[in-house]
Every structure is written in C-alpha cells, then in structure tokens.
C-alpha atoms as a PDB file:
ATOM      1  CA  MET A   1     -20.049  45.233  30.218  1.00  0.00           C
ATOM      2  CA  ILE A   2     -22.194  43.724  27.402  1.00  0.00           C
ATOM      3  CA  TYR A   3     -24.279  46.241  25.638  1.00  0.00           C
ATOM      4  CA  LEU A   4     -25.931  44.111  22.908  1.00  0.00           C
ATOM      5  CA  GLY A   5     -28.831  41.831  23.267  1.00  0.00           C
ATOM      6  CA  ILE A   6     -31.039  39.577  21.023  1.00  0.00           C
ATOM      7  CA  SER A   7     -34.673  38.641  21.659  1.00  0.00           C
ATOM      8  CA  GLY A   8     -37.444  36.919  19.629  1.00  0.00           C
ATOM      9  CA  THR A   9     -38.450  33.544  18.432  1.00  0.00           C
ATOM     10  CA  HIS A  10     -38.039  34.194  14.634  1.00  0.00           C
ATOM     11  CA  ILE A  11     -35.765  31.404  13.152  1.00  0.00           C
ATOM     12  CA  SER A  12     -33.086  34.063  12.617  1.00  0.00           C
ATOM     13  CA  ALA A  13     -32.688  34.922  16.209  1.00  0.00           C
ATOM     14  CA  GLN A  14     -30.703  31.835  17.113  1.00  0.00           C
ATOM     15  CA  THR A  15     -28.664  32.125  13.830  1.00  0.00           C
ATOM     16  CA  PHE A  16     -27.762  35.712  14.812  1.00  0.00           C
ATOM     17  CA  LEU A  17     -26.732  34.649  18.292  1.00  0.00           C
ATOM     18  CA  ALA A  18     -24.490  31.663  17.010  1.00  0.00           C
ATOM     19  CA  ALA A  19     -22.889  33.846  14.346  1.00  0.00           C
ATOM     20  CA  LEU A  20     -22.077  36.626  16.677  1.00  0.00           C
ATOM     21  CA  ARG A  21     -20.659  34.233  19.367  1.00  0.00           C
ATOM     22  CA  ALA A  22     -18.603  32.492  16.628  1.00  0.00           C
ATOM     23  CA  ASN A  23     -17.058  35.802  15.757  1.00  0.00           C
ATOM     24  CA  GLU A  24     -16.359  36.483  19.439  1.00  0.00           C
ATOM     25  CA  VAL A  25     -18.892  39.321  19.765  1.00  0.00           C
ATOM     26  CA  ALA A  26     -20.240  39.681  23.273  1.00  0.00           C
ATOM     27  CA  VAL A  27     -24.056  39.422  23.160  1.00  0.00           C
ATOM     28  CA  ARG A  28     -26.748  38.529  25.537  1.00  0.00           C
ATOM     29  CA  ASP A  29     -29.419  35.934  24.755  1.00  0.00           C
ATOM     30  CA  LEU A  30     -32.551  37.575  26.154  1.00  0.00           C
ATOM     31  CA  ASN A  31     -34.607  34.508  25.187  1.00  0.00           C
ATOM     32  CA  GLY A  32     -32.611  32.698  27.845  1.00  0.00           C
ATOM     33  CA  PRO A  33     -31.614  33.467  31.272  1.00  0.00           C
ATOM     34  CA  ASP A  34     -29.475  36.481  30.428  1.00  0.00           C
ATOM     35  CA  ASP A  35     -30.263  39.828  32.081  1.00  0.00           C
ATOM     36  CA  ALA A  36     -31.447  42.713  29.853  1.00  0.00           C
ATOM     37  CA  ALA A  37     -30.199  45.369  32.288  1.00  0.00           C
ATOM     38  CA  GLY A  38     -27.685  47.784  30.715  1.00  0.00           C
ATOM     39  CA  ILE A  39     -28.461  46.777  27.096  1.00  0.00           C
ATOM     40  CA  GLU A  40     -27.831  49.686  24.733  1.00  0.00           C
ATOM     41  CA  THR A  41     -28.452  47.935  21.385  1.00  0.00           C
ATOM     42  CA  LEU A  42     -31.358  45.437  20.993  1.00  0.00           C
ATOM     43  CA  LEU A  43     -31.708  43.192  17.912  1.00  0.00           C
ATOM     44  CA  LEU A  44     -35.301  42.147  17.849  1.00  0.00           C
ATOM     45  CA  ALA A  45     -36.379  39.264  15.706  1.00  0.00           C
ATOM     46  CA  PRO A  46     -40.098  38.700  16.457  1.00  0.00           C
ATOM     47  CA  ARG A  47     -42.129  35.967  14.732  1.00  0.00           C
ATOM     48  CA  ASP A  48     -45.120  38.201  14.156  1.00  0.00           C
ATOM     49  CA  VAL A  49     -46.871  41.419  15.320  1.00  0.00           C
ATOM     50  CA  MET A  50     -48.323  39.847  18.454  1.00  0.00           C
ATOM     51  CA  GLU A  51     -44.756  38.756  19.621  1.00  0.00           C
ATOM     52  CA  SER A  52     -43.551  42.234  18.736  1.00  0.00           C
ATOM     53  CA  GLU A  53     -46.110  43.797  20.939  1.00  0.00           C
ATOM     54  CA  ARG A  54     -45.252  41.472  23.772  1.00  0.00           C
ATOM     55  CA  LEU A  55     -41.560  42.126  23.570  1.00  0.00           C
ATOM     56  CA  LEU A  56     -41.792  45.885  23.120  1.00  0.00           C
ATOM     57  CA  PHE A  57     -44.840  46.999  25.268  1.00  0.00           C
ATOM     58  CA  GLU A  58     -46.353  44.064  27.219  1.00  0.00           C
ATOM     59  CA  ASP A  59     -44.522  41.269  29.067  1.00  0.00           C
ATOM     60  CA  GLU A  60     -40.906  42.236  28.419  1.00  0.00           C
ATOM     61  CA  ALA A  61     -41.734  45.763  27.579  1.00  0.00           C
ATOM     62  CA  TYR A  62     -38.242  46.499  26.329  1.00  0.00           C
ATOM     63  CA  ALA A  63     -39.291  49.870  24.836  1.00  0.00           C
ATOM     64  CA  ARG A  64     -40.318  51.087  28.324  1.00  0.00           C
ATOM     65  CA  ARG A  65     -38.253  49.191  30.869  1.00  0.00           C
ATOM     66  CA  LEU A  66     -34.748  49.724  29.436  1.00  0.00           C
ATOM     67  CA  PRO A  67     -33.580  53.274  30.239  1.00  0.00           C
ATOM     68  CA  SER A  68     -30.210  52.342  28.751  1.00  0.00           C
ATOM     69  CA  LEU A  69     -31.556  51.381  25.368  1.00  0.00           C
ATOM     70  CA  LYS A  70     -30.219  53.570  22.556  1.00  0.00           C
ATOM     71  CA  VAL A  71     -30.808  51.603  19.377  1.00  0.00           C
ATOM     72  CA  LEU A  72     -33.514  49.131  18.416  1.00  0.00           C
ATOM     73  CA  VAL A  73     -32.908  47.101  15.330  1.00  0.00           C
ATOM     74  CA  LEU A  74     -36.180  45.294  14.185  1.00  0.00           C
ATOM     75  CA  SER A  75     -35.653  42.216  11.975  1.00  0.00           C
ATOM     76  CA  GLY A  76     -38.148  39.547  10.996  1.00  0.00           C
ATOM     77  CA  THR A  77     -40.914  40.383   8.514  1.00  0.00           C
ATOM     78  CA  LEU A  78     -43.761  42.402   9.731  1.00  0.00           C
ATOM     79  CA  SER A  79     -46.493  44.709   8.346  1.00  0.00           C
ATOM     80  CA  PRO A  80     -44.862  47.870   6.929  1.00  0.00           C
ATOM     81  CA  ARG A  81     -47.839  49.899   8.294  1.00  0.00           C
ATOM     82  CA  TYR A  82     -47.231  48.365  11.806  1.00  0.00           C
ATOM     83  CA  VAL A  83     -43.557  49.081  11.656  1.00  0.00           C
ATOM     84  CA  ARG A  84     -43.926  52.693  10.628  1.00  0.00           C
ATOM     85  CA  ALA A  85     -46.428  53.216  13.398  1.00  0.00           C
ATOM     86  CA  LEU A  86     -43.835  51.984  15.968  1.00  0.00           C
ATOM     87  CA  ARG A  87     -41.880  55.177  15.548  1.00  0.00           C
ATOM     88  CA  ASP A  88     -44.619  57.106  17.382  1.00  0.00           C
ATOM     89  CA  ARG A  89     -44.893  54.520  20.074  1.00  0.00           C
ATOM     90  CA  VAL A  90     -41.255  53.975  20.946  1.00  0.00           C
ATOM     91  CA  PRO A  91     -39.525  56.769  22.915  1.00  0.00           C
ATOM     92  CA  ALA A  92     -37.880  59.241  20.643  1.00  0.00           C
ATOM     93  CA  ARG A  93     -34.540  58.849  22.432  1.00  0.00           C
ATOM     94  CA  ILE A  94     -34.299  55.282  21.006  1.00  0.00           C
ATOM     95  CA  GLU A  95     -33.036  55.189  17.340  1.00  0.00           C
ATOM     96  CA  MET A  96     -34.947  52.628  15.211  1.00  0.00           C
ATOM     97  CA  ILE A  97     -33.663  50.578  12.325  1.00  0.00           C
ATOM     98  CA  ASP A  98     -35.788  48.091  10.372  1.00  0.00           C
ATOM     99  CA  ALA A  99     -33.722  45.263   8.974  1.00  0.00           C
ATOM    100  CA  PRO A 100     -35.592  42.470   7.388  1.00  0.00           C
ATOM    101  CA  LEU A 101     -33.619  39.630   5.730  1.00  0.00           C
ATOM    102  CA  VAL A 102     -33.915  38.510   2.056  1.00  0.00           C
ATOM    103  CA  GLY A 103     -32.884  35.037   1.292  1.00  0.00           C
ATOM    104  CA  ALA A 104     -33.820  31.372   1.506  1.00  0.00           C
ATOM    105  CA  PRO A 105     -33.700  29.695   5.009  1.00  0.00           C
ATOM    106  CA  ARG A 106     -30.380  28.087   4.134  1.00  0.00           C
ATOM    107  CA  ALA A 107     -28.875  31.468   3.336  1.00  0.00           C
ATOM    108  CA  VAL A 108     -30.161  32.926   6.563  1.00  0.00           C
ATOM    109  CA  ALA A 109     -28.763  29.981   8.552  1.00  0.00           C
ATOM    110  CA  SER A 110     -25.301  30.428   7.011  1.00  0.00           C
ATOM    111  CA  SER A 111     -25.351  34.227   7.372  1.00  0.00           C
ATOM    112  CA  GLN A 112     -25.378  34.615   3.559  1.00  0.00           C
ATOM    113  CA  ALA A 113     -28.682  36.444   3.295  1.00  0.00           C
ATOM    114  CA  THR A 114     -29.040  40.126   2.537  1.00  0.00           C
ATOM    115  CA  PHE A 115     -30.198  42.792   5.002  1.00  0.00           C
ATOM    116  CA  LEU A 116     -32.611  45.470   3.807  1.00  0.00           C
ATOM    117  CA  LEU A 117     -31.902  48.534   5.971  1.00  0.00           C
ATOM    118  CA  GLY A 118     -34.094  51.571   6.849  1.00  0.00           C
ATOM    119  CA  GLY A 119     -33.137  54.322   9.272  1.00  0.00           C
ATOM    120  CA  ARG A 120     -30.644  57.136   9.811  1.00  0.00           C
ATOM    121  CA  PRO A 121     -27.512  56.579   7.716  1.00  0.00           C
ATOM    122  CA  ASP A 122     -25.141  57.452  10.701  1.00  0.00           C
ATOM    123  CA  VAL A 123     -26.833  54.956  12.896  1.00  0.00           C
ATOM    124  CA  ILE A 124     -26.622  52.265  10.190  1.00  0.00           C
ATOM    125  CA  ASP A 125     -22.967  53.085   9.785  1.00  0.00           C
ATOM    126  CA  SER A 126     -22.329  52.639  13.493  1.00  0.00           C
ATOM    127  CA  LEU A 127     -23.922  49.090  13.261  1.00  0.00           C
ATOM    128  CA  GLN A 128     -22.110  48.109  10.085  1.00  0.00           C
ATOM    129  CA  PRO A 129     -19.756  45.611  11.909  1.00  0.00           C
ATOM    130  CA  LEU A 130     -22.792  43.914  13.373  1.00  0.00           C
ATOM    131  CA  PHE A 131     -24.591  43.607   9.960  1.00  0.00           C
ATOM    132  CA  SER A 132     -21.366  42.455   8.282  1.00  0.00           C
ATOM    133  CA  VAL A 133     -21.128  39.428  10.696  1.00  0.00           C
ATOM    134  CA  LEU A 134     -24.780  38.500  10.177  1.00  0.00           C
ATOM    135  CA  SER A 135     -25.238  38.764   6.388  1.00  0.00           C
ATOM    136  CA  ARG A 136     -23.497  38.516   3.024  1.00  0.00           C
ATOM    137  CA  SER A 137     -24.607  42.050   1.987  1.00  0.00           C
ATOM    138  CA  GLN A 138     -26.741  45.033   2.964  1.00  0.00           C
ATOM    139  CA  THR A 139     -28.867  47.280   0.968  1.00  0.00           C
ATOM    140  CA  ARG A 140     -30.007  50.594   2.256  1.00  0.00           C
ATOM    141  CA  MET A 141     -33.567  51.424   1.278  1.00  0.00           C
ATOM    142  CA  GLY A 142     -34.104  54.944   2.962  1.00  0.00           C
ATOM    143  CA  GLU A 143     -35.722  56.160   6.172  1.00  0.00           C
ATOM    144  CA  PHE A 144     -37.082  53.848   8.881  1.00  0.00           C
ATOM    145  CA  GLY A 145     -39.914  51.702   7.564  1.00  0.00           C
ATOM    146  CA  THR A 146     -38.703  51.605   3.908  1.00  0.00           C
ATOM    147  CA  ALA A 147     -36.738  48.350   4.335  1.00  0.00           C
ATOM    148  CA  MET A 148     -39.829  46.481   5.686  1.00  0.00           C
ATOM    149  CA  ALA A 149     -41.908  47.942   2.802  1.00  0.00           C
ATOM    150  CA  ALA A 150     -39.380  46.776   0.282  1.00  0.00           C
ATOM    151  CA  LYS A 151     -39.304  43.289   1.794  1.00  0.00           C
ATOM    152  CA  ALA A 152     -43.186  43.158   1.477  1.00  0.00           C
ATOM    153  CA  LEU A 153     -42.940  44.055  -2.176  1.00  0.00           C
ATOM    154  CA  GLN A 154     -40.235  41.471  -2.798  1.00  0.00           C
ATOM    155  CA  ASP A 155     -42.355  38.916  -1.152  1.00  0.00           C
ATOM    156  CA  CYS A 156     -45.337  39.848  -3.349  1.00  0.00           C
ATOM    157  CA  ILE A 157     -43.255  39.515  -6.473  1.00  0.00           C
ATOM    158  CA  THR A 158     -41.890  36.159  -5.333  1.00  0.00           C
ATOM    159  CA  ALA A 159     -45.371  34.783  -4.394  1.00  0.00           C
ATOM    160  CA  ALA A 160     -46.835  35.839  -7.667  1.00  0.00           C
ATOM    161  CA  SER A 161     -43.957  34.434  -9.662  1.00  0.00           C
ATOM    162  CA  SER A 162     -44.317  31.206  -7.866  1.00  0.00           C
ATOM    163  CA  ALA A 163     -48.117  30.969  -8.544  1.00  0.00           C
ATOM    164  CA  MET A 164     -47.634  31.788 -12.216  1.00  0.00           C
ATOM    165  CA  ALA A 165     -44.744  29.192 -12.382  1.00  0.00           C
ATOM    166  CA  ARG A 166     -46.994  26.400 -10.902  1.00  0.00           C
ATOM    167  CA  SER A 167     -49.696  27.314 -13.385  1.00  0.00           C
ATOM    168  CA  ALA A 168     -47.234  27.196 -16.320  1.00  0.00           C
ATOM    169  CA  LEU A 169     -45.954  23.769 -15.257  1.00  0.00           C
ATOM    170  CA  ASP A 170     -49.655  22.501 -15.198  1.00  0.00           C
ATOM    171  CA  TRP A 171     -50.175  23.916 -18.643  1.00  0.00           C
ATOM    172  CA  ALA A 172     -46.917  22.317 -19.969  1.00  0.00           C
ATOM    173  CA  GLU A 173     -47.940  18.960 -18.529  1.00  0.00           C
ATOM    174  CA  ALA A 174     -51.164  19.171 -20.399  1.00  0.00           C
ATOM    175  CA  GLN A 175     -49.287  19.664 -23.618  1.00  0.00           C
ATOM    176  CA  GLY A 176     -46.854  16.824 -23.059  1.00  0.00           C
ATOM    177  CA  ILE A 177     -43.859  18.918 -21.923  1.00  0.00           C
ATOM    178  CA  GLU A 178     -41.659  17.250 -19.187  1.00  0.00           C
ATOM    179  CA  GLU A 179     -41.335  19.518 -16.197  1.00  0.00           C
ATOM    180  CA  SER A 180     -37.486  19.016 -16.059  1.00  0.00           C
ATOM    181  CA  ARG A 181     -37.155  20.101 -19.603  1.00  0.00           C
ATOM    182  CA  LEU A 182     -39.172  23.313 -19.166  1.00  0.00           C
ATOM    183  CA  LEU A 183     -37.379  24.274 -16.013  1.00  0.00           C
ATOM    184  CA  SER A 184     -33.967  23.663 -17.691  1.00  0.00           C
ATOM    185  CA  PHE A 185     -35.067  25.798 -20.585  1.00  0.00           C
ATOM    186  CA  LEU A 186     -36.349  28.596 -18.225  1.00  0.00           C
ATOM    187  CA  LYS A 187     -33.134  28.539 -16.350  1.00  0.00           C
ATOM    188  CA  ALA A 188     -31.068  29.004 -19.483  1.00  0.00           C
ATOM    189  CA  THR A 189     -33.287  31.909 -20.805  1.00  0.00           C
ATOM    190  CA  LEU A 190     -34.814  33.656 -17.751  1.00  0.00           C
ATOM    191  CA  ALA A 191     -32.396  33.253 -14.838  1.00  0.00           C
ATOM    192  CA  ARG A 192     -30.654  36.628 -15.555  1.00  0.00           C
ATOM    193  CA  GLN A 193     -34.011  38.464 -15.491  1.00  0.00           C
ATOM    194  CA  LEU A 194     -35.156  37.156 -12.185  1.00  0.00           C
ATOM    195  CA  PRO A 195     -34.983  39.326  -9.000  1.00  0.00           C
ATOM    196  CA  PRO A 196     -32.242  38.592  -6.476  1.00  0.00           C
ATOM    197  CA  GLY A 197     -32.819  35.424  -4.556  1.00  0.00           C
ATOM    198  CA  MET A 198     -34.766  33.899  -7.372  1.00  0.00           C
ATOM    199  CA  THR A 199     -31.872  32.988  -9.785  1.00  0.00           C
ATOM    200  CA  ASP A 200     -33.245  29.517 -10.348  1.00  0.00           C
ATOM    201  CA  PRO A 201     -36.726  29.153 -11.892  1.00  0.00           C
ATOM    202  CA  ALA A 202     -37.217  25.755 -10.133  1.00  0.00           C
ATOM    203  CA  SER A 203     -37.027  27.670  -6.788  1.00  0.00           C
ATOM    204  CA  LEU A 204     -40.258  29.345  -7.696  1.00  0.00           C
ATOM    205  CA  VAL A 205     -42.180  26.124  -7.653  1.00  0.00           C
ATOM    206  CA  THR A 206     -42.878  25.199  -4.008  1.00  0.00           C
ATOM    207  CA  ASN A 207     -43.151  21.662  -3.058  1.00  0.00           C
ATOM    208  CA  THR A 208     -46.868  21.776  -2.083  1.00  0.00           C
ATOM    209  CA  LEU A 209     -49.970  19.772  -2.941  1.00  0.00           C
ATOM    210  CA  PRO A 210     -53.556  20.727  -3.856  1.00  0.00           C
ATOM    211  CA  GLY A 211     -55.426  21.865  -0.811  1.00  0.00           C
ATOM    212  CA  ASP A 212     -52.323  23.241   0.899  1.00  0.00           C
ATOM    213  CA  ASN A 213     -51.884  26.895   1.958  1.00  0.00           C
ATOM    214  CA  ALA A 214     -49.993  28.019  -1.063  1.00  0.00           C
ATOM    215  CA  GLY A 215     -53.038  30.228  -2.109  1.00  0.00           C
ATOM    216  CA  ALA A 216     -53.279  31.666   1.330  1.00  0.00           C
ATOM    217  CA  VAL A 217     -49.603  32.567   1.377  1.00  0.00           C
ATOM    218  CA  LEU A 218     -50.004  34.277  -2.066  1.00  0.00           C
ATOM    219  CA  VAL A 219     -52.957  36.320  -0.773  1.00  0.00           C
ATOM    220  CA  LYS A 220     -51.197  37.263   2.473  1.00  0.00           C
ATOM    221  CA  ASN A 221     -48.144  38.480   0.595  1.00  0.00           C
ATOM    222  CA  VAL A 222     -50.068  40.516  -1.856  1.00  0.00           C
ATOM    223  CA  GLU A 223     -52.303  42.050   0.880  1.00  0.00           C
ATOM    224  CA  THR A 224     -49.128  42.957   2.840  1.00  0.00           C
ATOM    225  CA  ALA A 225     -47.610  44.667  -0.194  1.00  0.00           C
ATOM    226  CA  LEU A 226     -50.867  46.689  -0.811  1.00  0.00           C
ATOM    227  CA  ASP A 227     -50.994  47.502   2.941  1.00  0.00           C
ATOM    228  CA  THR A 228     -47.784  49.621   2.445  1.00  0.00           C
ATOM    229  CA  ALA A 229     -49.319  51.701  -0.391  1.00  0.00           C
ATOM    230  CA  LEU A 230     -49.666  55.270   0.759  1.00  0.00           C
ATOM    231  CA  ALA A 231     -52.833  57.335   0.242  1.00  0.00           C
ATOM    232  CA  GLY A 232     -53.192  58.626  -3.261  1.00  0.00           C
ATOM    233  CA  VAL A 233     -50.910  55.942  -4.872  1.00  0.00           C
ATOM    234  CA  HIS A 234     -52.362  54.463  -7.975  1.00  0.00           C
ATOM    235  CA  LEU A 235     -52.709  50.687  -7.387  1.00  0.00           C
ATOM    236  CA  ASN A 236     -53.385  49.650 -10.998  1.00  0.00           C
ATOM    237  CA  PRO A 237     -50.524  48.309 -13.138  1.00  0.00           C
ATOM    238  CA  PRO A 238     -48.756  51.111 -15.136  1.00  0.00           C
ATOM    239  CA  ARG A 239     -49.955  51.644 -18.754  1.00  0.00           C
ATOM    240  CA  MET A 240     -47.498  54.166 -19.927  1.00  0.00           C
ATOM    241  CA  GLY A 241     -46.177  51.721 -22.555  1.00  0.00           C
ATOM    242  CA  GLN A 242     -49.440  51.354 -24.303  1.00  0.00           C
ATOM    243  CA  ARG A 243     -50.246  53.283 -27.298  1.00  0.00           C
ATOM    244  CA  PRO A 244     -53.776  54.078 -28.634  1.00  0.00           C
ATOM    245  CA  SER A 245     -52.971  52.603 -32.006  1.00  0.00           C
ATOM    246  CA  ALA A 246     -51.525  49.436 -30.626  1.00  0.00           C
ATOM    247  CA  THR A 247     -54.146  46.694 -31.158  1.00  0.00           C
ATOM    248  CA  PRO A 248     -53.301  43.120 -30.384  1.00  0.00           C
ATOM    249  CA  ARG A 249     -53.192  40.961 -33.566  1.00  0.00           C
ATOM    250  CA  ALA A 250     -55.593  38.048 -33.685  1.00  0.00           C
ATOM    251  CA  ARG A 251     -53.905  34.835 -32.863  1.00  0.00           C
ATOM    252  CA  HIS A 252     -55.235  31.286 -33.536  1.00  0.00           C
ATOM    253  CA  LEU A 253     -55.011  28.866 -30.695  1.00  0.00           C
ATOM    254  CA  HIS A 254     -53.486  25.368 -31.508  1.00  0.00           C
END
C-alpha cells in the first residue's frame, strides 16, 4: 500500500514527484486522479497561503479528512507567522515539518537545492531518505516554523543584495565602468563572502527593466522577514560595533 502523497501547484511539486518515481519510491500524485485514502505522509507544496488553506481546510481538507495522516511536510515559501499558526489548527496527532527549499529554479528542478528543516528531530530523521532523494543537502533550523522563518530572512538578504547590486551597476555606468568588468572584479573579490546560493555576484542582478515588479518583490521579501520578528525584538540594525569616539573622517567627492 502507498503511504506517501504529494499535493500542491508550486513548481517543486512535479519535480518532487518525478525525482521520487525516478528513484522507484512509491508515491501518489494527489494533483491528479490518485486517491488520498490511506496516506500517512503528505508532502504539501502550495503556491501561496490561499492554496494552502484550500488544501488543508477547504476543498481537499487534508488536515481533517485523512484519519490516516501522521506526518505533514510543508514545502513552498509561505509567511512564517502563518506557518507557525498552523500548528494550532492542524490536529495534534499529525506531526508537522516545515521544509522550504533554498536554491535557484534550475537547482530545484535537478534536486540540487537545499532543504531548510524545522520540526521534531526524530520525525526529520525518519524522513531523511525522502529528503536525500529530493535535495542536495539539508539544514536543520530548529522547531517547527524556524525553517520558514530562515527562508524569509534569506530571501530578504538576497532581495536587498540584488537591489544594491543594480544600483551599484547604474553608478558604475555613470562613471564609465563596463558592467562586465565590474562583475568580474566583484566575483574575484566578494564571491566567498556571499551567502549560500549567491556565489556569483552576477546572479544578484535580475534581468528586469524599469517599471517591472523588482521593487515590489523587494518590498514583499523585506515585509515577510519583518513579519517573522517576535514581539520585543529590536528591528533596528545592531550598533554594537560603534564607539562613541569613532567619528567618520571627512572625505572629498571626486
């Protein structure tokens, strides 16, 4: 009997399905005609919060209509606040793991991305064969919800870095510096300092045009990162490295 099912329209869902079947893992495609009856482990890859609601509580209502369900793995990228709130809405008998992916679309499609994992260690241990098939590596972040929070923060850093890189290239062009030369220089000097998944500075510069949604994406990612901040957390950048006597030296502009 098949105990594993996949549902959701996030781009990763079909990649997961193909990778598992290529490795001869029995899995049901719940986006198709396969029946969900008897499913014990459900890998959910929703596109957004609305689809997550539909799959868990509304049309499909997997969280309520599957008495056999033991483990729910939530992939995709969702609001950390929303994900944490799910723990009180999903029956306590169902173990929950949040498992967003970190990596470019090409890495996700080739099962070379990285899973961030949040949840009980023993449950994650039991799912290790599954995660090993679907990703290059896995990083455990802590209890349920911490993985989605970490993904939100990583997206925030990536978006902010991309926005700064675009501005820097505009400034360089105004000063007569060729884009290819600057990117080559940055790759040689900064690549080792970039977060995982951003080893090439050129990847920070999205192929977009004025008037596109790049600004909206930046705002969304930053808002999502702030959304995960808990009450009482200081949201201003840290200033521990500043000294009262450290006064910036005047610098002439050329």
